[in-house]
């Protein structure tokens, strides 16, 4: 895609969006409900979230489809609606992007299946490819500009997602992993290993998201930059450290803290910068303001 290539080749920071889940909860989504179902039942609320991030300065924003595989939707009895719910996610975001007064890119969010590969679990590579293919087909129908694989812990699952996407689309693909277990992913993948393996997949960009806070994510990006210096890197950190208060997970990272993170993570090698859990439009606007020094 020309726009993404041009933005990346310019070398300037590219501002992403923040958390979808955090904003959905604020909009009334009940714990345990399927966020993707809102693409059909409450599309106007999803549009409002997208618009808030765009107004905050986001150049690339993600669809409401993180849990859009048949595996995750099946937990809510929605596995027969994979294509429809993902197509709706893409269409909602596409409409919002097209009404804006500047060029924006819609990224089709694809999160982990929630399954373990054999022999630890029952998931096979071919079954995973099929699930991601089905999701990607819906997102492509909805009009996304690129695919955004995120919060992965298993390299085989990333490979399966990439394979599934490429069965139905030749749009750009990015991928990020979550290093939330002693500097590794839950499945034991190190940042250096991730960068080494992901750069073999012909991705538009790769990197890290979620995790245990902005400081640790900055260290991950340093390692990835050293391992894959020619790769375009993504950083989407949580807003500080999660804490449980009144039976709810809250994040202690202020917009000012995330602004400092944005500047630092750009200086150590990330170009596509945004926030994950706990980040709101206020956090994204603070990041964007901080990054103007490099634009």
C-alpha atoms as a PDB file:
ATOM      1  CA  UNK A   1       0.000   0.000   0.000  1.00  0.00           C
ATOM      2  CA  UNK A   2       1.415   3.313  -1.163  1.00  0.00           C
ATOM      3  CA  UNK A   3       0.259   5.350   1.834  1.00  0.00           C
ATOM      4  CA  UNK A   4       1.766   3.003   4.424  1.00  0.00           C
ATOM      5  CA  UNK A   5       4.992   2.663   2.427  1.00  0.00           C
ATOM      6  CA  UNK A   6       5.269   6.435   2.104  1.00  0.00           C
ATOM      7  CA  UNK A   7       4.686   6.989   5.801  1.00  0.00           C
ATOM      8  CA  UNK A   8       7.232   4.354   6.745  1.00  0.00           C
ATOM      9  CA  UNK A   9       9.859   5.561   4.288  1.00  0.00           C
ATOM     10  CA  UNK A  10       9.585   9.097   5.671  1.00  0.00           C
ATOM     11  CA  UNK A  11      10.971   7.807   8.974  1.00  0.00           C
ATOM     12  CA  UNK A  12       8.677   9.988  11.065  1.00  0.00           C
ATOM     13  CA  UNK A  13       6.532   8.696  13.939  1.00  0.00           C
ATOM     14  CA  UNK A  14       3.199   7.165  12.934  1.00  0.00           C
ATOM     15  CA  UNK A  15       0.560   7.538  15.638  1.00  0.00           C
ATOM     16  CA  UNK A  16      -1.662   4.554  16.355  1.00  0.00           C
ATOM     17  CA  UNK A  17      -4.767   4.319  18.508  1.00  0.00           C
ATOM     18  CA  UNK A  18      -5.252   3.157  22.084  1.00  0.00           C
ATOM     19  CA  UNK A  19      -7.314   0.480  23.794  1.00  0.00           C
ATOM     20  CA  UNK A  20     -10.588  -0.701  22.307  1.00  0.00           C
ATOM     21  CA  UNK A  21     -11.575  -2.866  25.287  1.00  0.00           C
ATOM     22  CA  UNK A  22     -11.062  -0.051  27.791  1.00  0.00           C
ATOM     23  CA  UNK A  23     -13.304   2.234  25.776  1.00  0.00           C
ATOM     24  CA  UNK A  24     -15.956  -0.443  25.247  1.00  0.00           C
ATOM     25  CA  UNK A  25     -16.189  -1.000  28.995  1.00  0.00           C
ATOM     26  CA  UNK A  26     -16.658   2.717  29.504  1.00  0.00           C
ATOM     27  CA  UNK A  27     -19.403   2.612  26.856  1.00  0.00           C
ATOM     28  CA  UNK A  28     -21.277  -0.102  28.740  1.00  0.00           C
ATOM     29  CA  UNK A  29     -19.928  -3.452  27.568  1.00  0.00           C
ATOM     30  CA  UNK A  30     -20.426  -5.967  30.368  1.00  0.00           C
ATOM     31  CA  UNK A  31     -17.531  -8.218  31.458  1.00  0.00           C
ATOM     32  CA  UNK A  32     -17.807 -11.559  29.673  1.00  0.00           C
ATOM     33  CA  UNK A  33     -19.764 -10.215  26.709  1.00  0.00           C
ATOM     34  CA  UNK A  34     -18.356 -10.449  23.188  1.00  0.00           C
ATOM     35  CA  UNK A  35     -17.071  -7.039  22.038  1.00  0.00           C
ATOM     36  CA  UNK A  36     -17.433  -8.080  18.394  1.00  0.00           C
ATOM     37  CA  UNK A  37     -21.199  -8.559  18.799  1.00  0.00           C
ATOM     38  CA  UNK A  38     -21.460  -4.803  19.234  1.00  0.00           C
ATOM     39  CA  UNK A  39     -20.390  -4.391  15.587  1.00  0.00           C
ATOM     40  CA  UNK A  40     -23.959  -5.397  14.746  1.00  0.00           C
ATOM     41  CA  UNK A  41     -25.946  -4.459  17.855  1.00  0.00           C
ATOM     42  CA  UNK A  42     -24.255  -1.110  18.671  1.00  0.00           C
ATOM     43  CA  UNK A  43     -22.280   0.059  15.620  1.00  0.00           C
ATOM     44  CA  UNK A  44     -22.716   3.708  16.566  1.00  0.00           C
ATOM     45  CA  UNK A  45     -20.776   3.163  19.815  1.00  0.00           C
ATOM     46  CA  UNK A  46     -17.884   1.603  17.910  1.00  0.00           C
ATOM     47  CA  UNK A  47     -17.917   4.541  15.510  1.00  0.00           C
ATOM     48  CA  UNK A  48     -17.736   6.963  18.427  1.00  0.00           C
ATOM     49  CA  UNK A  49     -14.640   5.214  19.774  1.00  0.00           C
ATOM     50  CA  UNK A  50     -12.925   5.293  16.381  1.00  0.00           C
ATOM     51  CA  UNK A  51     -13.764   8.979  15.956  1.00  0.00           C
ATOM     52  CA  UNK A  52     -12.392   9.792  19.406  1.00  0.00           C
ATOM     53  CA  UNK A  53      -9.032   8.259  18.509  1.00  0.00           C
ATOM     54  CA  UNK A  54      -8.976  10.010  15.154  1.00  0.00           C
ATOM     55  CA  UNK A  55      -9.693  13.333  16.852  1.00  0.00           C
ATOM     56  CA  UNK A  56      -6.811  12.548  19.214  1.00  0.00           C
ATOM     57  CA  UNK A  57      -4.509  12.261  16.201  1.00  0.00           C
ATOM     58  CA  UNK A  58      -4.388   8.555  15.326  1.00  0.00           C
ATOM     59  CA  UNK A  59      -3.251   7.874  11.766  1.00  0.00           C
ATOM     60  CA  UNK A  60      -3.847   4.124  11.897  1.00  0.00           C
ATOM     61  CA  UNK A  61      -6.670   2.678  13.975  1.00  0.00           C
ATOM     62  CA  UNK A  62      -7.759  -0.892  14.644  1.00  0.00           C
ATOM     63  CA  UNK A  63     -11.094  -2.561  14.015  1.00  0.00           C
ATOM     64  CA  UNK A  64     -13.191  -4.015  16.821  1.00  0.00           C
ATOM     65  CA  UNK A  65     -12.308  -7.594  15.903  1.00  0.00           C
ATOM     66  CA  UNK A  66      -9.582  -8.701  18.323  1.00  0.00           C
ATOM     67  CA  UNK A  67     -11.517 -11.832  19.346  1.00  0.00           C
ATOM     68  CA  UNK A  68     -12.993 -12.423  15.911  1.00  0.00           C
ATOM     69  CA  UNK A  69     -11.928 -16.019  15.295  1.00  0.00           C
ATOM     70  CA  UNK A  70     -14.417 -18.876  15.429  1.00  0.00           C
ATOM     71  CA  UNK A  71     -12.652 -20.118  18.575  1.00  0.00           C
ATOM     72  CA  UNK A  72     -13.296 -16.990  20.610  1.00  0.00           C
ATOM     73  CA  UNK A  73     -16.677 -16.169  19.122  1.00  0.00           C
ATOM     74  CA  UNK A  74     -17.720 -19.763  19.730  1.00  0.00           C
ATOM     75  CA  UNK A  75     -17.439 -19.124  23.459  1.00  0.00           C
ATOM     76  CA  UNK A  76     -20.409 -16.775  23.022  1.00  0.00           C
ATOM     77  CA  UNK A  77     -22.361 -18.947  20.572  1.00  0.00           C
ATOM     78  CA  UNK A  78     -21.351 -16.680  17.704  1.00  0.00           C
ATOM     79  CA  UNK A  79     -19.097 -19.011  15.727  1.00  0.00           C
ATOM     80  CA  UNK A  80     -21.558 -19.019  12.805  1.00  0.00           C
ATOM     81  CA  UNK A  81     -21.221 -15.240  12.514  1.00  0.00           C
ATOM     82  CA  UNK A  82     -17.450 -14.959  12.050  1.00  0.00           C
ATOM     83  CA  UNK A  83     -17.616 -13.495   8.554  1.00  0.00           C
ATOM     84  CA  UNK A  84     -20.514 -11.149   9.323  1.00  0.00           C
ATOM     85  CA  UNK A  85     -19.074  -9.748  12.553  1.00  0.00           C
ATOM     86  CA  UNK A  86     -15.636  -9.152  11.052  1.00  0.00           C
ATOM     87  CA  UNK A  87     -17.072  -7.621   7.902  1.00  0.00           C
ATOM     88  CA  UNK A  88     -19.144  -5.306  10.098  1.00  0.00           C
ATOM     89  CA  UNK A  89     -16.012  -4.359  12.074  1.00  0.00           C
ATOM     90  CA  UNK A  90     -14.215  -3.421   8.876  1.00  0.00           C
ATOM     91  CA  UNK A  91     -17.188  -1.574   7.452  1.00  0.00           C
ATOM     92  CA  UNK A  92     -17.698   0.524  10.597  1.00  0.00           C
ATOM     93  CA  UNK A  93     -14.051   1.600  10.617  1.00  0.00           C
ATOM     94  CA  UNK A  94     -14.016   2.171   6.855  1.00  0.00           C
ATOM     95  CA  UNK A  95     -16.983   4.525   7.049  1.00  0.00           C
ATOM     96  CA  UNK A  96     -15.362   6.535   9.833  1.00  0.00           C
ATOM     97  CA  UNK A  97     -12.054   6.757   7.950  1.00  0.00           C
ATOM     98  CA  UNK A  98     -13.723   7.825   4.726  1.00  0.00           C
ATOM     99  CA  UNK A  99     -15.618  10.658   6.411  1.00  0.00           C
ATOM    100  CA  UNK A 100     -12.434  12.135   7.914  1.00  0.00           C
ATOM    101  CA  UNK A 101     -10.696  15.180   6.440  1.00  0.00           C
ATOM    102  CA  UNK A 102      -7.271  13.510   6.305  1.00  0.00           C
ATOM    103  CA  UNK A 103      -5.847  10.231   5.119  1.00  0.00           C
ATOM    104  CA  UNK A 104      -6.203   7.391   7.608  1.00  0.00           C
ATOM    105  CA  UNK A 105      -5.540   3.670   7.511  1.00  0.00           C
ATOM    106  CA  UNK A 106      -7.864   1.007   8.884  1.00  0.00           C
ATOM    107  CA  UNK A 107      -6.069  -1.994  10.367  1.00  0.00           C
ATOM    108  CA  UNK A 108      -7.956  -5.264  10.748  1.00  0.00           C
ATOM    109  CA  UNK A 109      -7.232  -6.483  14.292  1.00  0.00           C
ATOM    110  CA  UNK A 110      -6.563 -10.211  14.651  1.00  0.00           C
ATOM    111  CA  UNK A 111      -5.848 -11.462  18.158  1.00  0.00           C
ATOM    112  CA  UNK A 112      -4.835 -14.912  19.408  1.00  0.00           C
ATOM    113  CA  UNK A 113      -7.221 -17.846  19.162  1.00  0.00           C
ATOM    114  CA  UNK A 114      -6.966 -18.637  22.852  1.00  0.00           C
ATOM    115  CA  UNK A 115      -6.010 -22.217  21.969  1.00  0.00           C
ATOM    116  CA  UNK A 116      -2.768 -24.136  22.527  1.00  0.00           C
ATOM    117  CA  UNK A 117      -1.017 -25.930  19.711  1.00  0.00           C
ATOM    118  CA  UNK A 118      -0.444 -29.667  19.941  1.00  0.00           C
ATOM    119  CA  UNK A 119       1.078 -31.393  21.829  1.00  0.00           C
ATOM    120  CA  UNK A 120       0.257 -29.019  24.706  1.00  0.00           C
ATOM    121  CA  UNK A 121      -3.224 -28.507  23.304  1.00  0.00           C
ATOM    122  CA  UNK A 122      -5.390 -29.744  20.469  1.00  0.00           C
ATOM    123  CA  UNK A 123      -4.916 -26.939  17.939  1.00  0.00           C
ATOM    124  CA  UNK A 124      -3.268 -27.935  14.673  1.00  0.00           C
ATOM    125  CA  UNK A 125      -1.548 -25.555  12.300  1.00  0.00           C
ATOM    126  CA  UNK A 126      -4.030 -26.221   9.487  1.00  0.00           C
ATOM    127  CA  UNK A 127      -7.018 -25.635  11.767  1.00  0.00           C
ATOM    128  CA  UNK A 128      -5.518 -22.347  12.940  1.00  0.00           C
ATOM    129  CA  UNK A 129      -4.870 -21.242   9.351  1.00  0.00           C
ATOM    130  CA  UNK A 130      -8.501 -21.924   8.466  1.00  0.00           C
ATOM    131  CA  UNK A 131      -9.789 -19.939  11.449  1.00  0.00           C
ATOM    132  CA  UNK A 132      -7.627 -16.933  10.628  1.00  0.00           C
ATOM    133  CA  UNK A 133      -8.500 -17.215   6.927  1.00  0.00           C
ATOM    134  CA  UNK A 134     -12.207 -16.991   7.788  1.00  0.00           C
ATOM    135  CA  UNK A 135     -11.665 -13.944   9.965  1.00  0.00           C
ATOM    136  CA  UNK A 136      -9.423 -12.232   7.413  1.00  0.00           C
ATOM    137  CA  UNK A 137     -11.996 -12.805   4.663  1.00  0.00           C
ATOM    138  CA  UNK A 138     -14.580 -10.912   6.683  1.00  0.00           C
ATOM    139  CA  UNK A 139     -12.224  -8.045   7.462  1.00  0.00           C
ATOM    140  CA  UNK A 140     -11.195  -7.780   3.810  1.00  0.00           C
ATOM    141  CA  UNK A 141     -14.856  -7.631   2.796  1.00  0.00           C
ATOM    142  CA  UNK A 142     -15.318  -4.806   5.282  1.00  0.00           C
ATOM    143  CA  UNK A 143     -12.659  -2.708   3.574  1.00  0.00           C
ATOM    144  CA  UNK A 144      -9.595  -2.725   5.820  1.00  0.00           C
ATOM    145  CA  UNK A 145      -6.332  -1.316   4.477  1.00  0.00           C
ATOM    146  CA  UNK A 146      -4.029  -3.766   6.268  1.00  0.00           C
ATOM    147  CA  UNK A 147      -4.092  -6.617   8.761  1.00  0.00           C
ATOM    148  CA  UNK A 148      -2.849  -6.205  12.328  1.00  0.00           C
ATOM    149  CA  UNK A 149      -1.949  -9.456  14.109  1.00  0.00           C
ATOM    150  CA  UNK A 150      -1.511  -8.625  17.804  1.00  0.00           C
ATOM    151  CA  UNK A 151      -0.901  -9.872  21.350  1.00  0.00           C
ATOM    152  CA  UNK A 152       0.541 -13.179  20.170  1.00  0.00           C
ATOM    153  CA  UNK A 153       2.636 -15.458  22.383  1.00  0.00           C
ATOM    154  CA  UNK A 154       3.318 -18.376  19.992  1.00  0.00           C
ATOM    155  CA  UNK A 155       5.355 -17.913  16.805  1.00  0.00           C
ATOM    156  CA  UNK A 156       3.459 -20.767  15.143  1.00  0.00           C
ATOM    157  CA  UNK A 157       0.207 -18.908  15.727  1.00  0.00           C
ATOM    158  CA  UNK A 158       1.651 -15.812  14.066  1.00  0.00           C
ATOM    159  CA  UNK A 159       2.737 -17.949  11.122  1.00  0.00           C
ATOM    160  CA  UNK A 160      -0.741 -19.488  10.919  1.00  0.00           C
ATOM    161  CA  UNK A 161      -2.388 -16.066  10.987  1.00  0.00           C
ATOM    162  CA  UNK A 162      -0.117 -14.788   8.227  1.00  0.00           C
ATOM    163  CA  UNK A 163      -0.797 -17.893   6.129  1.00  0.00           C
ATOM    164  CA  UNK A 164      -4.554 -17.576   6.618  1.00  0.00           C
ATOM    165  CA  UNK A 165      -4.558 -13.908   5.670  1.00  0.00           C
ATOM    166  CA  UNK A 166      -2.508 -14.522   2.557  1.00  0.00           C
ATOM    167  CA  UNK A 167      -4.988 -17.109   1.339  1.00  0.00           C
ATOM    168  CA  UNK A 168      -7.571 -14.346   0.916  1.00  0.00           C
ATOM    169  CA  UNK A 169      -5.667 -11.056   0.578  1.00  0.00           C
ATOM    170  CA  UNK A 170      -2.437  -9.445  -0.554  1.00  0.00           C
ATOM    171  CA  UNK A 171      -2.832  -6.431   1.749  1.00  0.00           C
ATOM    172  CA  UNK A 172       0.077  -5.519   4.086  1.00  0.00           C
ATOM    173  CA  UNK A 173       0.373  -7.444   7.341  1.00  0.00           C
ATOM    174  CA  UNK A 174       1.899  -6.416  10.661  1.00  0.00           C
ATOM    175  CA  UNK A 175       2.424  -8.551  13.768  1.00  0.00           C
ATOM    176  CA  UNK A 176       3.142  -7.879  17.426  1.00  0.00           C
ATOM    177  CA  UNK A 177       3.783 -10.202  20.338  1.00  0.00           C
ATOM    178  CA  UNK A 178       3.213  -9.669  24.056  1.00  0.00           C
ATOM    179  CA  UNK A 179       6.260 -10.087  26.312  1.00  0.00           C
ATOM    180  CA  UNK A 180       4.564 -10.366  29.658  1.00  0.00           C
ATOM    181  CA  UNK A 181       6.391 -13.264  31.340  1.00  0.00           C
ATOM    182  CA  UNK A 182       9.846 -12.366  32.650  1.00  0.00           C
ATOM    183  CA  UNK A 183      10.764 -10.576  29.428  1.00  0.00           C
ATOM    184  CA  UNK A 184       9.383 -13.372  27.239  1.00  0.00           C
ATOM    185  CA  UNK A 185       5.986 -14.261  25.833  1.00  0.00           C
ATOM    186  CA  UNK A 186       3.805 -16.718  27.725  1.00  0.00           C
ATOM    187  CA  UNK A 187       5.138 -19.438  25.397  1.00  0.00           C
ATOM    188  CA  UNK A 188       8.760 -18.551  26.121  1.00  0.00           C
ATOM    189  CA  UNK A 189       9.622 -16.505  23.038  1.00  0.00           C
ATOM    190  CA  UNK A 190      12.267 -13.826  23.629  1.00  0.00           C
ATOM    191  CA  UNK A 191      12.217 -10.423  21.902  1.00  0.00           C
ATOM    192  CA  UNK A 192      15.352 -11.331  19.931  1.00  0.00           C
ATOM    193  CA  UNK A 193      13.848 -14.622  18.765  1.00  0.00           C
ATOM    194  CA  UNK A 194      10.601 -12.909  17.832  1.00  0.00           C
ATOM    195  CA  UNK A 195      12.365 -10.255  15.777  1.00  0.00           C
ATOM    196  CA  UNK A 196      14.539 -12.854  14.069  1.00  0.00           C
ATOM    197  CA  UNK A 197      11.607 -15.076  13.103  1.00  0.00           C
ATOM    198  CA  UNK A 198       9.033 -12.413  12.314  1.00  0.00           C
ATOM    199  CA  UNK A 199      11.315 -10.602   9.883  1.00  0.00           C
ATOM    200  CA  UNK A 200      11.255 -13.768   7.751  1.00  0.00           C
ATOM    201  CA  UNK A 201       7.499 -13.390   7.130  1.00  0.00           C
ATOM    202  CA  UNK A 202       7.658 -10.361   4.803  1.00  0.00           C
ATOM    203  CA  UNK A 203       5.699  -8.186   7.216  1.00  0.00           C
ATOM    204  CA  UNK A 204       5.185  -4.453   6.763  1.00  0.00           C
ATOM    205  CA  UNK A 205       6.094  -4.006  10.434  1.00  0.00           C
ATOM    206  CA  UNK A 206       6.612  -6.049  13.583  1.00  0.00           C
ATOM    207  CA  UNK A 207       6.966  -5.357  17.268  1.00  0.00           C
ATOM    208  CA  UNK A 208       5.382  -5.598  20.702  1.00  0.00           C
ATOM    209  CA  UNK A 209       2.128  -4.699  22.390  1.00  0.00           C
ATOM    210  CA  UNK A 210       0.431  -5.087  25.761  1.00  0.00           C
ATOM    211  CA  UNK A 211       2.918  -6.605  28.265  1.00  0.00           C
ATOM    212  CA  UNK A 212       3.612  -5.347  31.762  1.00  0.00           C
ATOM    213  CA  UNK A 213       4.114  -1.640  31.251  1.00  0.00           C
ATOM    214  CA  UNK A 214       5.842   0.927  29.092  1.00  0.00           C
ATOM    215  CA  UNK A 215       9.319   0.585  30.625  1.00  0.00           C
ATOM    216  CA  UNK A 216       9.576  -3.115  29.820  1.00  0.00           C
ATOM    217  CA  UNK A 217       8.181  -2.596  26.330  1.00  0.00           C
ATOM    218  CA  UNK A 218      10.851   0.017  25.650  1.00  0.00           C
ATOM    219  CA  UNK A 219      13.487  -2.565  26.546  1.00  0.00           C
ATOM    220  CA  UNK A 220      11.840  -5.061  24.199  1.00  0.00           C
ATOM    221  CA  UNK A 221      12.004  -2.578  21.336  1.00  0.00           C
ATOM    222  CA  UNK A 222      15.692  -1.955  22.007  1.00  0.00           C
ATOM    223  CA  UNK A 223      16.373  -5.681  21.677  1.00  0.00           C
ATOM    224  CA  UNK A 224      14.247  -6.029  18.557  1.00  0.00           C
ATOM    225  CA  UNK A 225      15.970  -3.076  16.915  1.00  0.00           C
ATOM    226  CA  UNK A 226      19.369  -4.643  17.555  1.00  0.00           C
ATOM    227  CA  UNK A 227      18.194  -7.991  16.174  1.00  0.00           C
ATOM    228  CA  UNK A 228      16.307  -6.649  13.141  1.00  0.00           C
ATOM    229  CA  UNK A 229      17.669  -3.164  12.419  1.00  0.00           C
ATOM    230  CA  UNK A 230      16.025  -2.912   9.006  1.00  0.00           C
ATOM    231  CA  UNK A 231      12.521  -3.810  10.212  1.00  0.00           C
ATOM    232  CA  UNK A 232       9.800  -1.250  10.877  1.00  0.00           C
ATOM    233  CA  UNK A 233       8.946  -1.571  14.563  1.00  0.00           C
ATOM    234  CA  UNK A 234       5.627  -1.222  16.391  1.00  0.00           C
ATOM    235  CA  UNK A 235       5.226  -0.264  20.055  1.00  0.00           C
ATOM    236  CA  UNK A 236       1.826  -0.376  21.748  1.00  0.00           C
ATOM    237  CA  UNK A 237       2.366  -0.398  25.499  1.00  0.00           C
ATOM    238  CA  UNK A 238      -0.208  -0.657  28.249  1.00  0.00           C
ATOM    239  CA  UNK A 239      -0.902   2.481  30.247  1.00  0.00           C
ATOM    240  CA  UNK A 240       1.350   1.640  33.140  1.00  0.00           C
ATOM    241  CA  UNK A 241       0.957  -1.365  35.416  1.00  0.00           C
ATOM    242  CA  UNK A 242      -2.450  -3.041  35.805  1.00  0.00           C
ATOM    243  CA  UNK A 243      -3.925  -3.059  39.288  1.00  0.00           C
ATOM    244  CA  UNK A 244      -7.137  -4.557  40.645  1.00  0.00           C
ATOM    245  CA  UNK A 245      -9.418  -2.089  42.430  1.00  0.00           C
ATOM    246  CA  UNK A 246     -13.008  -2.840  43.388  1.00  0.00           C
ATOM    247  CA  UNK A 247     -12.903  -6.045  41.313  1.00  0.00           C
ATOM    248  CA  UNK A 248     -11.880  -4.124  38.199  1.00  0.00           C
ATOM    249  CA  UNK A 249      -8.541  -3.873  36.410  1.00  0.00           C
ATOM    250  CA  UNK A 250      -7.257  -0.300  36.230  1.00  0.00           C
ATOM    251  CA  UNK A 251      -4.042   1.159  34.871  1.00  0.00           C
ATOM    252  CA  UNK A 252      -1.898   3.734  36.651  1.00  0.00           C
ATOM    253  CA  UNK A 253      -0.249   5.274  33.593  1.00  0.00           C
ATOM    254  CA  UNK A 254      -1.177   8.916  33.070  1.00  0.00           C
ATOM    255  CA  UNK A 255      -1.181  10.666  29.676  1.00  0.00           C
ATOM    256  CA  UNK A 256       2.052  12.406  30.717  1.00  0.00           C
ATOM    257  CA  UNK A 257       3.712   9.065  31.471  1.00  0.00           C
ATOM    258  CA  UNK A 258       2.656   7.704  28.104  1.00  0.00           C
ATOM    259  CA  UNK A 259       3.895  10.849  26.378  1.00  0.00           C
ATOM    260  CA  UNK A 260       7.340  10.222  27.853  1.00  0.00           C
ATOM    261  CA  UNK A 261       7.132   6.591  26.739  1.00  0.00           C
ATOM    262  CA  UNK A 262       6.246   7.648  23.194  1.00  0.00           C
ATOM    263  CA  UNK A 263       9.288   9.890  22.892  1.00  0.00           C
ATOM    264  CA  UNK A 264      11.628   7.298  24.353  1.00  0.00           C
ATOM    265  CA  UNK A 265      10.344   4.352  22.358  1.00  0.00           C
ATOM    266  CA  UNK A 266      10.658   6.339  19.138  1.00  0.00           C
ATOM    267  CA  UNK A 267      14.232   7.261  19.978  1.00  0.00           C
ATOM    268  CA  UNK A 268      15.154   3.605  20.585  1.00  0.00           C
ATOM    269  CA  UNK A 269      13.708   2.396  17.293  1.00  0.00           C
ATOM    270  CA  UNK A 270       9.908   2.163  17.082  1.00  0.00           C
ATOM    271  CA  UNK A 271       8.150   4.128  14.366  1.00  0.00           C
ATOM    272  CA  UNK A 272       4.529   3.017  14.753  1.00  0.00           C
ATOM    273  CA  UNK A 273       3.559   4.094  18.262  1.00  0.00           C
ATOM    274  CA  UNK A 274       0.347   3.870  20.234  1.00  0.00           C
ATOM    275  CA  UNK A 275      -1.167   2.313  23.326  1.00  0.00           C
ATOM    276  CA  UNK A 276      -2.785  -0.925  24.406  1.00  0.00           C
ATOM    277  CA  UNK A 277      -4.813  -1.685  27.556  1.00  0.00           C
ATOM    278  CA  UNK A 278      -5.765   1.311  29.661  1.00  0.00           C
ATOM    279  CA  UNK A 279      -4.949   3.901  27.004  1.00  0.00           C
ATOM    280  CA  UNK A 280      -7.694   6.368  26.086  1.00  0.00           C
ATOM    281  CA  UNK A 281      -7.888   9.158  23.500  1.00  0.00           C
ATOM    282  CA  UNK A 282      -6.349  11.477  26.101  1.00  0.00           C
ATOM    283  CA  UNK A 283      -3.293   9.217  26.288  1.00  0.00           C
ATOM    284  CA  UNK A 284      -3.026   9.084  22.496  1.00  0.00           C
ATOM    285  CA  UNK A 285      -3.300  12.845  22.164  1.00  0.00           C
ATOM    286  CA  UNK A 286      -0.517  13.265  24.718  1.00  0.00           C
ATOM    287  CA  UNK A 287       1.650  10.825  22.755  1.00  0.00           C
ATOM    288  CA  UNK A 288       0.948  12.661  19.530  1.00  0.00           C
ATOM    289  CA  UNK A 289       1.810  16.010  21.079  1.00  0.00           C
ATOM    290  CA  UNK A 290       5.085  14.577  22.411  1.00  0.00           C
ATOM    291  CA  UNK A 291       6.004  13.093  19.042  1.00  0.00           C
ATOM    292  CA  UNK A 292       5.577  16.350  17.147  1.00  0.00           C
ATOM    293  CA  UNK A 293       9.185  17.109  18.108  1.00  0.00           C
ATOM    294  CA  UNK A 294      10.217  14.358  15.675  1.00  0.00           C
ATOM    295  CA  UNK A 295       7.765  15.091  12.871  1.00  0.00           C
END
